[in-house]
PDB file of all heavy atoms in Angstrom:
ATOM      1  N   SER A   1    -171.939-142.516-265.830  1.00  0.00           N
ATOM      2  CA  SER A   1    -172.275-141.097-266.030  1.00  0.00           C
ATOM      3  C   SER A   1    -173.792-140.876-266.109  1.00  0.00           C
ATOM      4  O   SER A   1    -174.324-139.894-265.582  1.00  0.00           O
ATOM      5  CB  SER A   1    -171.607-140.572-267.302  1.00  0.00           C
ATOM      6  OG  SER A   1    -170.201-140.598-267.169  1.00  0.00           O
ATOM      7  N   ASP A   2    -174.487-141.786-266.769  1.00  0.00           N
ATOM      8  CA  ASP A   2    -175.937-141.638-266.913  1.00  0.00           C
ATOM      9  C   ASP A   2    -176.623-141.600-265.556  1.00  0.00           C
ATOM     10  O   ASP A   2    -177.438-140.706-265.265  1.00  0.00           O
ATOM     11  CB  ASP A   2    -176.503-142.782-267.760  1.00  0.00           C
ATOM     12  CG  ASP A   2    -178.004-142.681-267.934  1.00  0.00           C
ATOM     13  OD1 ASP A   2    -178.465-141.752-268.620  1.00  0.00           O
ATOM     14  OD2 ASP A   2    -178.733-143.520-267.350  1.00  0.00           O
ATOM     15  N   SER A   3    -176.337-142.550-264.687  1.00  0.00           N
ATOM     16  CA  SER A   3    -176.960-142.604-263.363  1.00  0.00           C
ATOM     17  C   SER A   3    -176.532-141.413-262.506  1.00  0.00           C
ATOM     18  O   SER A   3    -177.325-140.879-261.725  1.00  0.00           O
ATOM     19  CB  SER A   3    -176.623-143.921-262.669  1.00  0.00           C
ATOM     20  OG  SER A   3    -175.226-144.047-262.499  1.00  0.00           O
ATOM     21  N   ILE A   4    -175.270-140.981-262.654  1.00  0.00           N
ATOM     22  CA  ILE A   4    -174.791-139.820-261.882  1.00  0.00           C
ATOM     23  C   ILE A   4    -175.568-138.558-262.276  1.00  0.00           C
ATOM     24  O   ILE A   4    -176.014-137.785-261.421  1.00  0.00           O
ATOM     25  CB  ILE A   4    -173.280-139.617-262.094  1.00  0.00           C
ATOM     26  CG1 ILE A   4    -172.497-140.766-261.449  1.00  0.00           C
ATOM     27  CG2 ILE A   4    -172.837-138.278-261.513  1.00  0.00           C
ATOM     28  CD1 ILE A   4    -171.004-140.702-261.711  1.00  0.00           C
ATOM     29  N   ILE A   5    -175.757-138.384-263.582  1.00  0.00           N
ATOM     30  CA  ILE A   5    -176.484-137.201-264.064  1.00  0.00           C
ATOM     31  C   ILE A   5    -177.929-137.229-263.571  1.00  0.00           C
ATOM     32  O   ILE A   5    -178.460-136.229-263.068  1.00  0.00           O
ATOM     33  CB  ILE A   5    -176.430-137.120-265.596  1.00  0.00           C
ATOM     34  CG1 ILE A   5    -174.997-136.833-266.055  1.00  0.00           C
ATOM     35  CG2 ILE A   5    -177.370-136.045-266.123  1.00  0.00           C
ATOM     36  CD1 ILE A   5    -174.802-136.905-267.556  1.00  0.00           C
ATOM     37  N   LYS A   6    -178.566-138.377-263.681  1.00  0.00           N
ATOM     38  CA  LYS A   6    -179.971-138.476-263.251  1.00  0.00           C
ATOM     39  C   LYS A   6    -180.111-138.247-261.747  1.00  0.00           C
ATOM     40  O   LYS A   6    -181.006-137.522-261.300  1.00  0.00           O
ATOM     41  CB  LYS A   6    -180.533-139.842-263.632  1.00  0.00           C
ATOM     42  CG  LYS A   6    -180.748-140.012-265.134  1.00  0.00           C
ATOM     43  CD  LYS A   6    -181.340-141.365-265.454  1.00  0.00           C
ATOM     44  CE  LYS A   6    -181.599-141.502-266.943  1.00  0.00           C
ATOM     45  NZ  LYS A   6    -182.156-142.841-267.293  1.00  0.00           N
ATOM     46  N   ASN A   7    -179.234-138.852-260.957  1.00  0.00           N
ATOM     47  CA  ASN A   7    -179.298-138.669-259.504  1.00  0.00           C
ATOM     48  C   ASN A   7    -179.031-137.215-259.112  1.00  0.00           C
ATOM     49  O   ASN A   7    -179.689-136.664-258.217  1.00  0.00           O
ATOM     50  CB  ASN A   7    -178.304-139.598-258.813  1.00  0.00           C
ATOM     51  CG  ASN A   7    -178.703-141.057-258.915  1.00  0.00           C
ATOM     52  OD1 ASN A   7    -179.880-141.377-259.077  1.00  0.00           O
ATOM     53  ND2 ASN A   7    -177.724-141.962-258.848  1.00  0.00           N
ATOM     54  N   THR A   8    -178.059-136.613-259.783  1.00  0.00           N
ATOM     55  CA  THR A   8    -177.735-135.214-259.484  1.00  0.00           C
ATOM     56  C   THR A   8    -178.907-134.294-259.810  1.00  0.00           C
ATOM     57  O   THR A   8    -179.251-133.383-259.029  1.00  0.00           O
ATOM     58  CB  THR A   8    -176.491-134.770-260.275  1.00  0.00           C
ATOM     59  OG1 THR A   8    -175.390-135.622-259.957  1.00  0.00           O
ATOM     60  CG2 THR A   8    -176.126-133.334-259.955  1.00  0.00           C
ATOM     61  N   MET A   9    -179.544-134.543-260.953  1.00  0.00           N
ATOM     62  CA  MET A   9    -180.686-133.714-261.333  1.00  0.00           C
ATOM     63  C   MET A   9    -181.847-133.906-260.356  1.00  0.00           C
ATOM     64  O   MET A   9    -182.496-132.931-259.946  1.00  0.00           O
ATOM     65  CB  MET A   9    -181.138-134.056-262.755  1.00  0.00           C
ATOM     66  CG  MET A   9    -180.198-133.572-263.860  1.00  0.00           C
ATOM     67  SD  MET A   9    -179.948-131.773-263.839  1.00  0.00           S
ATOM     68  CE  MET A   9    -181.632-131.184-263.929  1.00  0.00           C
ATOM     69  N   GLN A  10    -182.118-135.135-259.958  1.00  0.00           N
ATOM     70  CA  GLN A  10    -183.223-135.396-259.024  1.00  0.00           C
ATOM     71  C   GLN A  10    -182.953-134.745-257.670  1.00  0.00           C
ATOM     72  O   GLN A  10    -183.860-134.210-257.033  1.00  0.00           O
ATOM     73  CB  GLN A  10    -183.441-136.905-258.860  1.00  0.00           C
ATOM     74  CG  GLN A  10    -184.083-137.597-260.053  1.00  0.00           C
ATOM     75  CD  GLN A  10    -185.528-137.122-260.290  1.00  0.00           C
ATOM     76  OE1 GLN A  10    -186.089-136.353-259.531  1.00  0.00           O
ATOM     77  NE2 GLN A  10    -186.119-137.602-261.380  1.00  0.00           N
ATOM     78  N   GLN A  11    -181.709-134.788-257.227  1.00  0.00           N
ATOM     79  CA  GLN A  11    -181.370-134.126-255.969  1.00  0.00           C
ATOM     80  C   GLN A  11    -181.568-132.610-256.074  1.00  0.00           C
ATOM     81  O   GLN A  11    -182.050-131.971-255.134  1.00  0.00           O
ATOM     82  CB  GLN A  11    -179.923-134.447-255.599  1.00  0.00           C
ATOM     83  CG  GLN A  11    -179.704-135.901-255.179  1.00  0.00           C
ATOM     84  CD  GLN A  11    -178.234-136.216-254.959  1.00  0.00           C
ATOM     85  OE1 GLN A  11    -177.368-135.340-255.039  1.00  0.00           O
ATOM     86  NE2 GLN A  11    -177.934-137.479-254.689  1.00  0.00           N
ATOM     87  N   SER A  12    -181.201-132.056-257.223  1.00  0.00           N
ATOM     88  CA  SER A  12    -181.395-130.619-257.430  1.00  0.00           C
ATOM     89  C   SER A  12    -182.884-130.270-257.471  1.00  0.00           C
ATOM     90  O   SER A  12    -183.314-129.243-256.924  1.00  0.00           O
ATOM     91  CB  SER A  12    -180.721-130.172-258.734  1.00  0.00           C
ATOM     92  OG  SER A  12    -179.323-130.395-258.676  1.00  0.00           O
ATOM     93  N   PHE A  13    -183.689-131.139-258.109  1.00  0.00           N
ATOM     94  CA  PHE A  13    -185.135-130.919-258.136  1.00  0.00           C
ATOM     95  C   PHE A  13    -185.727-130.971-256.727  1.00  0.00           C
ATOM     96  O   PHE A  13    -186.553-130.141-256.355  1.00  0.00           O
ATOM     97  CB  PHE A  13    -185.817-131.963-259.023  1.00  0.00           C
ATOM     98  CG  PHE A  13    -185.536-131.791-260.497  1.00  0.00           C
ATOM     99  CD1 PHE A  13    -185.657-132.867-261.371  1.00  0.00           C
ATOM    100  CD2 PHE A  13    -185.163-130.558-261.010  1.00  0.00           C
ATOM    101  CE1 PHE A  13    -185.411-132.715-262.712  1.00  0.00           C
ATOM    102  CE2 PHE A  13    -184.904-130.395-262.360  1.00  0.00           C
ATOM    103  CZ  PHE A  13    -185.031-131.477-263.212  1.00  0.00           C
ATOM    104  N   SER A  14    -185.282-131.954-255.956  1.00  0.00           N
ATOM    105  CA  SER A  14    -185.799-132.096-254.593  1.00  0.00           C
ATOM    106  C   SER A  14    -185.410-130.896-253.737  1.00  0.00           C
ATOM    107  O   SER A  14    -186.191-130.440-252.898  1.00  0.00           O
ATOM    108  CB  SER A  14    -185.266-133.389-253.961  1.00  0.00           C
ATOM    109  OG  SER A  14    -185.706-134.521-254.687  1.00  0.00           O
ATOM    110  N   ALA A  15    -184.203-130.373-253.950  1.00  0.00           N
ATOM    111  CA  ALA A  15    -183.761-129.211-253.189  1.00  0.00           C
ATOM    112  C   ALA A  15    -184.613-127.988-253.491  1.00  0.00           C
ATOM    113  O   ALA A  15    -184.779-127.111-252.640  1.00  0.00           O
ATOM    114  CB  ALA A  15    -182.296-128.914-253.486  1.00  0.00           C
ATOM    115  N   ARG A  16    -185.191-127.928-254.697  1.00  0.00           N
ATOM    116  CA  ARG A  16    -186.065-126.818-255.075  1.00  0.00           C
ATOM    117  C   ARG A  16    -187.535-127.153-254.837  1.00  0.00           C
ATOM    118  O   ARG A  16    -188.429-126.446-255.301  1.00  0.00           O
ATOM    119  CB  ARG A  16    -185.867-126.479-256.565  1.00  0.00           C
ATOM    120  CG  ARG A  16    -184.459-126.081-256.962  1.00  0.00           C
ATOM    121  CD  ARG A  16    -183.963-124.877-256.207  1.00  0.00           C
ATOM    122  NE  ARG A  16    -184.877-123.739-256.324  1.00  0.00           N
ATOM    123  CZ  ARG A  16    -184.722-122.590-255.696  1.00  0.00           C
ATOM    124  NH1 ARG A  16    -183.684-122.421-254.889  1.00  0.00           N
ATOM    125  NH2 ARG A  16    -185.582-121.606-255.855  1.00  0.00           N
ATOM    126  N   GLU A  17    -187.795-128.264-254.098  1.00  0.00           N
ATOM    127  CA  GLU A  17    -189.150-128.703-253.748  1.00  0.00           C
ATOM    128  C   GLU A  17    -189.988-129.002-254.987  1.00  0.00           C
ATOM    129  O   GLU A  17    -191.186-128.724-255.036  1.00  0.00           O
ATOM    130  CB  GLU A  17    -189.848-127.655-252.883  1.00  0.00           C
ATOM    131  CG  GLU A  17    -189.149-127.403-251.550  1.00  0.00           C
ATOM    132  CD  GLU A  17    -189.889-126.393-250.677  1.00  0.00           C
ATOM    133  OE1 GLU A  17    -190.880-125.816-251.163  1.00  0.00           O
ATOM    134  OE2 GLU A  17    -189.477-126.196-249.526  1.00  0.00           O
ATOM    135  N   LEU A  18    -189.323-129.579-255.986  1.00  0.00           N
ATOM    136  CA  LEU A  18    -190.034-129.964-257.204  1.00  0.00           C
ATOM    137  C   LEU A  18    -190.477-131.422-257.181  1.00  0.00           C
ATOM    138  O   LEU A  18    -191.270-131.848-258.033  1.00  0.00           O
ATOM    139  CB  LEU A  18    -189.143-129.724-258.430  1.00  0.00           C
ATOM    140  CG  LEU A  18    -188.843-128.262-258.754  1.00  0.00           C
ATOM    141  CD1 LEU A  18    -187.768-128.163-259.824  1.00  0.00           C
ATOM    142  CD2 LEU A  18    -190.109-127.545-259.199  1.00  0.00           C
ATOM    143  N   GLY A  19    -189.944-132.185-256.248  1.00  0.00           N
ATOM    144  CA  GLY A  19    -190.299-133.600-256.185  1.00  0.00           C
ATOM    145  C   GLY A  19    -189.645-134.394-257.293  1.00  0.00           C
ATOM    146  O   GLY A  19    -188.640-133.984-257.888  1.00  0.00           O
ATOM    147  N   LYS A  20    -190.236-135.542-257.602  1.00  0.00           N
ATOM    148  CA  LYS A  20    -189.703-136.397-258.659  1.00  0.00           C
ATOM    149  C   LYS A  20    -190.282-135.972-260.003  1.00  0.00           C
ATOM    150  O   LYS A  20    -191.381-136.358-260.368  1.00  0.00           O
ATOM    151  CB  LYS A  20    -190.037-137.861-258.372  1.00  0.00           C
ATOM    152  CG  LYS A  20    -189.313-138.417-257.149  1.00  0.00           C
ATOM    153  CD  LYS A  20    -189.609-139.904-256.981  1.00  0.00           C
ATOM    154  CE  LYS A  20    -188.828-140.467-255.783  1.00  0.00           C
ATOM    155  NZ  LYS A  20    -189.086-141.911-255.589  1.00  0.00           N
ATOM    156  N   VAL A  21    -189.518-135.168-260.708  1.00  0.00           N
ATOM    157  CA  VAL A  21    -189.945-134.680-262.018  1.00  0.00           C
ATOM    158  C   VAL A  21    -189.376-135.596-263.094  1.00  0.00           C
ATOM    159  O   VAL A  21    -188.149-135.765-263.185  1.00  0.00           O
ATOM    160  CB  VAL A  21    -189.465-133.230-262.245  1.00  0.00           C
ATOM    161  CG1 VAL A  21    -189.864-132.749-263.638  1.00  0.00           C
ATOM    162  CG2 VAL A  21    -190.018-132.312-261.172  1.00  0.00           C
ATOM    163  N   PRO A  22    -190.209-136.201-263.926  1.00  0.00           N
ATOM    164  CA  PRO A  22    -189.683-137.040-265.011  1.00  0.00           C
ATOM    165  C   PRO A  22    -188.990-136.172-266.058  1.00  0.00           C
ATOM    166  O   PRO A  22    -189.488-135.094-266.414  1.00  0.00           O
ATOM    167  CB  PRO A  22    -190.952-137.702-265.583  1.00  0.00           C
ATOM    168  CG  PRO A  22    -192.060-136.764-265.240  1.00  0.00           C
ATOM    169  CD  PRO A  22    -191.695-136.142-263.925  1.00  0.00           C
ATOM    170  N   PHE A  23    -187.864-136.624-266.567  1.00  0.00           N
ATOM    171  CA  PHE A  23    -187.141-135.821-267.552  1.00  0.00           C
ATOM    172  C   PHE A  23    -186.221-136.716-268.372  1.00  0.00           C
ATOM    173  O   PHE A  23    -185.848-137.814-267.963  1.00  0.00           O
ATOM    174  CB  PHE A  23    -186.324-134.720-266.860  1.00  0.00           C
ATOM    175  CG  PHE A  23    -185.136-135.239-266.093  1.00  0.00           C
ATOM    176  CD1 PHE A  23    -183.872-135.291-266.671  1.00  0.00           C
ATOM    177  CD2 PHE A  23    -185.286-135.710-264.792  1.00  0.00           C
ATOM    178  CE1 PHE A  23    -182.774-135.782-265.969  1.00  0.00           C
ATOM    179  CE2 PHE A  23    -184.200-136.192-264.080  1.00  0.00           C
ATOM    180  CZ  PHE A  23    -182.942-136.229-264.663  1.00  0.00           C
ATOM    181  N   GLU A  24    -185.869-136.208-269.538  1.00  0.00           N
ATOM    182  CA  GLU A  24    -184.820-136.775-270.368  1.00  0.00           C
ATOM    183  C   GLU A  24    -183.805-135.665-270.612  1.00  0.00           C
ATOM    184  O   GLU A  24    -184.155-134.482-270.621  1.00  0.00           O
ATOM    185  CB  GLU A  24    -185.386-137.305-271.686  1.00  0.00           C
ATOM    186  CG  GLU A  24    -186.394-138.440-271.528  1.00  0.00           C
ATOM    187  CD  GLU A  24    -185.793-139.717-270.961  1.00  0.00           C
ATOM    188  OE1 GLU A  24    -184.585-139.962-271.225  1.00  0.00           O
ATOM    189  OE2 GLU A  24    -186.515-140.455-270.269  1.00  0.00           O
ATOM    190  N   TYR A  25    -182.539-136.030-270.840  1.00  0.00           N
ATOM    191  CA  TYR A  25    -181.492-135.003-270.888  1.00  0.00           C
ATOM    192  C   TYR A  25    -180.523-135.233-272.041  1.00  0.00           C
ATOM    193  O   TYR A  25    -180.437-136.317-272.626  1.00  0.00           O
ATOM    194  CB  TYR A  25    -180.704-134.989-269.571  1.00  0.00           C
ATOM    195  CG  TYR A  25    -179.823-136.217-269.408  1.00  0.00           C
ATOM    196  CD1 TYR A  25    -178.524-136.241-269.919  1.00  0.00           C
ATOM    197  CD2 TYR A  25    -180.297-137.351-268.768  1.00  0.00           C
ATOM    198  CE1 TYR A  25    -177.725-137.364-269.797  1.00  0.00           C
ATOM    199  CE2 TYR A  25    -179.521-138.474-268.639  1.00  0.00           C
ATOM    200  CZ  TYR A  25    -178.233-138.489-269.151  1.00  0.00           C
ATOM    201  OH  TYR A  25    -177.448-139.617-269.039  1.00  0.00           O
ATOM    202  N   GLN A  26    -179.792-134.158-272.302  1.00  0.00           N
ATOM    203  CA  GLN A  26    -178.643-134.217-273.208  1.00  0.00           C
ATOM    204  C   GLN A  26    -177.572-133.273-272.650  1.00  0.00           C
ATOM    205  O   GLN A  26    -177.850-132.109-272.396  1.00  0.00           O
ATOM    206  CB  GLN A  26    -179.007-133.807-274.626  1.00  0.00           C
ATOM    207  CG  GLN A  26    -177.834-133.922-275.601  1.00  0.00           C
ATOM    208  CD  GLN A  26    -178.192-133.439-276.996  1.00  0.00           C
ATOM    209  OE1 GLN A  26    -178.342-132.236-277.205  1.00  0.00           O
ATOM    210  NE2 GLN A  26    -178.329-134.373-277.926  1.00  0.00           N
ATOM    211  N   VAL A  27    -176.373-133.805-272.460  1.00  0.00           N
ATOM    212  CA  VAL A  27    -175.265-133.021-271.942  1.00  0.00           C
ATOM    213  C   VAL A  27    -174.193-132.935-273.020  1.00  0.00           C
ATOM    214  O   VAL A  27    -173.778-133.965-273.571  1.00  0.00           O
ATOM    215  CB  VAL A  27    -174.674-133.642-270.659  1.00  0.00           C
ATOM    216  CG1 VAL A  27    -173.499-132.794-270.155  1.00  0.00           C
ATOM    217  CG2 VAL A  27    -175.737-133.754-269.583  1.00  0.00           C
ATOM    218  N   VAL A  28    -173.780-131.716-273.313  1.00  0.00           N
ATOM    219  CA  VAL A  28    -172.657-131.493-274.224  1.00  0.00           C
ATOM    220  C   VAL A  28    -171.597-130.741-273.427  1.00  0.00           C
ATOM    221  O   VAL A  28    -171.842-129.633-272.953  1.00  0.00           O
ATOM    222  CB  VAL A  28    -173.079-130.678-275.463  1.00  0.00           C
ATOM    223  CG1 VAL A  28    -171.875-130.424-276.367  1.00  0.00           C
ATOM    224  CG2 VAL A  28    -174.180-131.408-276.216  1.00  0.00           C
ATOM    225  N   MET A  29    -170.440-131.386-273.281  1.00  0.00           N
ATOM    226  CA  MET A  29    -169.413-130.795-272.432  1.00  0.00           C
ATOM    227  C   MET A  29    -168.041-131.258-272.895  1.00  0.00           C
ATOM    228  O   MET A  29    -167.802-132.464-273.046  1.00  0.00           O
ATOM    229  CB  MET A  29    -169.653-131.209-270.967  1.00  0.00           C
ATOM    230  CG  MET A  29    -168.799-130.469-269.957  1.00  0.00           C
ATOM    231  SD  MET A  29    -169.435-130.660-268.278  1.00  0.00           S
ATOM    232  CE  MET A  29    -169.596-132.451-268.135  1.00  0.00           C
ATOM    233  N   ALA A  30    -167.145-130.289-273.166  1.00  0.00           N
ATOM    234  CA  ALA A  30    -165.769-130.590-273.579  1.00  0.00           C
ATOM    235  C   ALA A  30    -165.747-131.535-274.777  1.00  0.00           C
ATOM    236  O   ALA A  30    -165.043-132.550-274.783  1.00  0.00           O
ATOM    237  CB  ALA A  30    -164.981-131.176-272.419  1.00  0.00           C
ATOM    238  N   ASN A  31    -166.550-131.179-275.792  1.00  0.00           N
ATOM    239  CA  ASN A  31    -166.616-131.959-277.027  1.00  0.00           C
ATOM    240  C   ASN A  31    -167.108-133.383-276.808  1.00  0.00           C
ATOM    241  O   ASN A  31    -166.882-134.258-277.645  1.00  0.00           O
ATOM    242  CB  ASN A  31    -165.242-131.992-277.721  1.00  0.00           C
ATOM    243  CG  ASN A  31    -164.813-130.607-278.175  1.00  0.00           C
ATOM    244  OD1 ASN A  31    -165.625-129.808-278.621  1.00  0.00           O
ATOM    245  ND2 ASN A  31    -163.522-130.312-278.029  1.00  0.00           N
ATOM    246  N   GLN A  32    -167.758-133.618-275.689  1.00  0.00           N
ATOM    247  CA  GLN A  32    -168.381-134.916-275.425  1.00  0.00           C
ATOM    248  C   GLN A  32    -169.891-134.713-275.321  1.00  0.00           C
ATOM    249  O   GLN A  32    -170.364-133.636-274.943  1.00  0.00           O
ATOM    250  CB  GLN A  32    -167.849-135.530-274.129  1.00  0.00           C
ATOM    251  CG  GLN A  32    -166.342-135.772-274.105  1.00  0.00           C
ATOM    252  CD  GLN A  32    -165.919-136.386-272.784  1.00  0.00           C
ATOM    253  OE1 GLN A  32    -166.325-137.487-272.430  1.00  0.00           O
ATOM    254  NE2 GLN A  32    -165.085-135.655-272.056  1.00  0.00           N
ATOM    255  N   GLN A  33    -170.612-135.753-275.632  1.00  0.00           N
ATOM    256  CA  GLN A  33    -172.067-135.646-275.595  1.00  0.00           C
ATOM    257  C   GLN A  33    -172.658-136.928-275.019  1.00  0.00           C
ATOM    258  O   GLN A  33    -172.229-138.035-275.358  1.00  0.00           O
ATOM    259  CB  GLN A  33    -172.641-135.409-277.009  1.00  0.00           C
ATOM    260  CG  GLN A  33    -174.162-135.368-277.065  1.00  0.00           C
ATOM    261  CD  GLN A  33    -174.674-135.043-278.455  1.00  0.00           C
ATOM    262  OE1 GLN A  33    -174.301-134.020-279.038  1.00  0.00           O
ATOM    263  NE2 GLN A  33    -175.512-135.918-278.995  1.00  0.00           N
TER     264      GLN A  33
END
């Protein structure tokens, strides 16, 4: 899940012409974190 989230976010950044933006994340979904 960690690699999927990071890859998905980077692809979304690239689609918006943001390039490789460094980031850290937290996902809360369906009582999971």
